[in-house]
Amino acid sequence: MTTKNRTRVNRFEFRATDDEAAKLRKRINLSNKETFQAYAYDLLLEGKIETYDYSELQNLRIEVNRIGQNVNQLVRYVNTFDEIDNELFKALQAEIDDMKKLLFDEFKTKGHAKLNGSDEGSSD
């Protein structure tokens, strides 16, 4: 039987109740870590585990795609009939400017991490 040359030779153990173990497993899953060991290293050595919630960004992407489809329809109309109303053009520019402002504001306010497993409080 061959022995492995391990660099980590110190072992730590602890015991937990069923409820504590379930809560710990849930937090490990939320942290996107594959193993308890990876979770424990980050939490114990760094003091916190950061995971990012991109659901708002995905919703924003959907809205931007919808606006882009509307812009494409307007451009197709203009190319088909070779005419554009000045007011329509100004309204289109205003919509694009609003979209830019929405994107910049969203990235400024949503740039924070959701902390899982930190000692900064939890809603579990």
Protein backbone atom coordinates (compact mmCIF):
# COMPACT_ATOMS: atom_id res chain seq x y z
CA MET A 1 0.00 0.00 0.00
CA THR A 2 1.42 3.38 -1.00
CA THR A 3 1.25 6.38 1.28
CA LYS A 4 0.44 9.85 0.03
CA ASN A 5 2.75 12.74 0.73
CA ARG A 6 0.36 15.24 2.25
CA THR A 7 1.33 18.84 2.81
CA ARG A 8 -1.51 19.38 5.27
CA VAL A 9 -0.79 17.00 8.12
CA ASN A 10 -2.72 18.71 10.93
CA ARG A 11 -6.28 17.59 11.40
CA PHE A 12 -9.17 19.45 13.05
CA GLU A 13 -12.51 17.94 13.98
CA PHE A 14 -15.72 19.12 15.59
CA ARG A 15 -19.14 17.68 16.30
CA ALA A 16 -22.55 19.11 15.41
CA THR A 17 -26.20 18.26 16.00
CA ASP A 18 -28.41 17.29 13.06
CA ASP A 19 -29.87 20.80 12.90
CA GLU A 20 -26.44 22.41 13.00
CA ALA A 21 -25.17 20.04 10.31
CA ALA A 22 -28.14 20.84 8.05
CA LYS A 23 -27.58 24.56 8.53
CA LEU A 24 -23.87 24.14 7.80
CA ARG A 25 -24.58 22.15 4.62
CA LYS A 26 -26.98 24.86 3.48
CA ARG A 27 -24.35 27.55 4.01
CA ILE A 28 -21.73 25.50 2.18
CA ASN A 29 -24.09 25.19 -0.80
CA LEU A 30 -24.81 28.94 -0.73
CA SER A 31 -21.10 29.68 -0.74
CA ASN A 32 -20.60 27.66 -3.97
CA LYS A 33 -17.79 25.69 -2.35
CA GLU A 34 -17.58 22.05 -3.38
CA THR A 35 -16.39 20.63 -0.07
CA PHE A 36 -16.55 21.37 3.62
CA GLN A 37 -12.76 21.60 3.62
CA ALA A 38 -12.74 24.40 1.02
CA TYR A 39 -15.49 26.22 2.92
CA ALA A 40 -13.67 25.86 6.24
CA TYR A 41 -10.35 27.12 4.81
CA ASP A 42 -11.93 30.29 3.45
CA LEU A 43 -14.05 30.92 6.50
CA LEU A 44 -11.47 30.17 9.16
CA LEU A 45 -8.45 31.70 7.45
CA GLU A 46 -10.07 34.70 5.76
CA GLY A 47 -12.94 35.31 8.18
CA LYS A 48 -15.68 35.51 5.55
CA ILE A 49 -16.91 33.96 2.35
CA GLU A 50 -18.22 36.22 -0.38
CA THR A 51 -20.67 35.07 -3.02
CA TYR A 52 -22.28 37.32 -5.55
CA ASP A 53 -25.96 37.37 -6.44
CA TYR A 54 -26.29 38.09 -10.16
CA SER A 55 -30.08 37.73 -10.36
CA GLU A 56 -30.60 41.51 -10.54
CA LEU A 57 -27.99 41.76 -13.27
CA GLN A 58 -29.75 39.01 -15.24
CA ASN A 59 -33.06 40.88 -14.95
CA LEU A 60 -31.34 44.04 -16.12
CA ARG A 61 -29.89 42.18 -19.11
CA ILE A 62 -33.38 41.05 -20.09
CA GLU A 63 -34.66 44.64 -19.94
CA VAL A 64 -31.74 45.90 -22.02
CA ASN A 65 -32.41 43.19 -24.61
CA ARG A 66 -36.04 44.29 -24.86
CA ILE A 67 -35.02 47.90 -25.38
CA GLY A 68 -32.50 46.77 -27.99
CA GLN A 69 -35.23 44.89 -29.86
CA ASN A 70 -37.37 48.04 -29.89
CA VAL A 71 -34.46 50.06 -31.25
CA ASN A 72 -33.87 47.44 -33.97
CA GLN A 73 -37.53 47.62 -34.99
CA LEU A 74 -37.31 51.40 -35.29
CA VAL A 75 -34.13 51.21 -37.35
CA ARG A 76 -35.75 48.63 -39.64
CA TYR A 77 -38.75 50.94 -40.10
CA VAL A 78 -36.46 53.88 -40.95
CA ASN A 79 -34.43 51.79 -43.42
CA THR A 80 -37.59 50.45 -45.06
CA PHE A 81 -39.33 53.77 -45.58
CA ASP A 82 -36.25 56.02 -45.73
CA GLU A 83 -37.82 58.55 -43.42
CA ILE A 84 -37.50 59.52 -39.80
CA ASP A 85 -39.40 62.07 -37.82
CA ASN A 86 -37.22 64.47 -35.86
CA GLU A 87 -39.34 64.00 -32.74
CA LEU A 88 -39.08 60.23 -33.09
CA PHE A 89 -35.32 60.48 -33.35
CA LYS A 90 -35.12 62.69 -30.24
CA ALA A 91 -37.37 60.29 -28.33
CA LEU A 92 -35.14 57.38 -29.36
CA GLN A 93 -32.05 59.27 -28.17
CA ALA A 94 -33.76 60.00 -24.86
CA GLU A 95 -34.60 56.30 -24.40
CA ILE A 96 -30.99 55.33 -25.09
CA ASP A 97 -29.75 57.95 -22.60
CA ASP A 98 -32.19 56.64 -19.99
CA MET A 99 -30.94 53.11 -20.60
CA LYS A 100 -27.32 54.21 -20.13
CA LYS A 101 -28.20 55.97 -16.86
CA LEU A 102 -30.08 52.89 -15.63
CA LEU A 103 -27.09 50.66 -16.37
CA PHE A 104 -24.58 52.93 -14.67
CA ASP A 105 -26.80 53.37 -11.60
CA GLU A 106 -27.42 49.63 -11.36
CA PHE A 107 -23.72 48.80 -11.42
CA LYS A 108 -22.93 51.44 -8.81
CA THR A 109 -25.58 50.33 -6.32
CA LYS A 110 -25.44 46.55 -6.83
CA GLY A 111 -21.67 46.14 -6.54
CA HIS A 112 -21.70 44.58 -3.08
CA ALA A 113 -21.24 40.98 -2.06
CA LYS A 114 -23.66 38.82 -0.16
CA LEU A 115 -21.78 37.29 2.75
CA ASN A 116 -22.35 33.64 3.61
CA GLY A 117 -20.77 32.16 6.66
CA SER A 118 -19.26 35.36 7.99
CA ASP A 119 -19.44 36.57 11.54
CA GLU A 120 -21.21 39.75 10.37
CA GLY A 121 -24.68 38.39 11.08
CA SER A 122 -26.99 36.08 9.27
CA SER A 123 -30.66 35.89 8.46
CA ASP A 124 -30.76 32.07 8.82
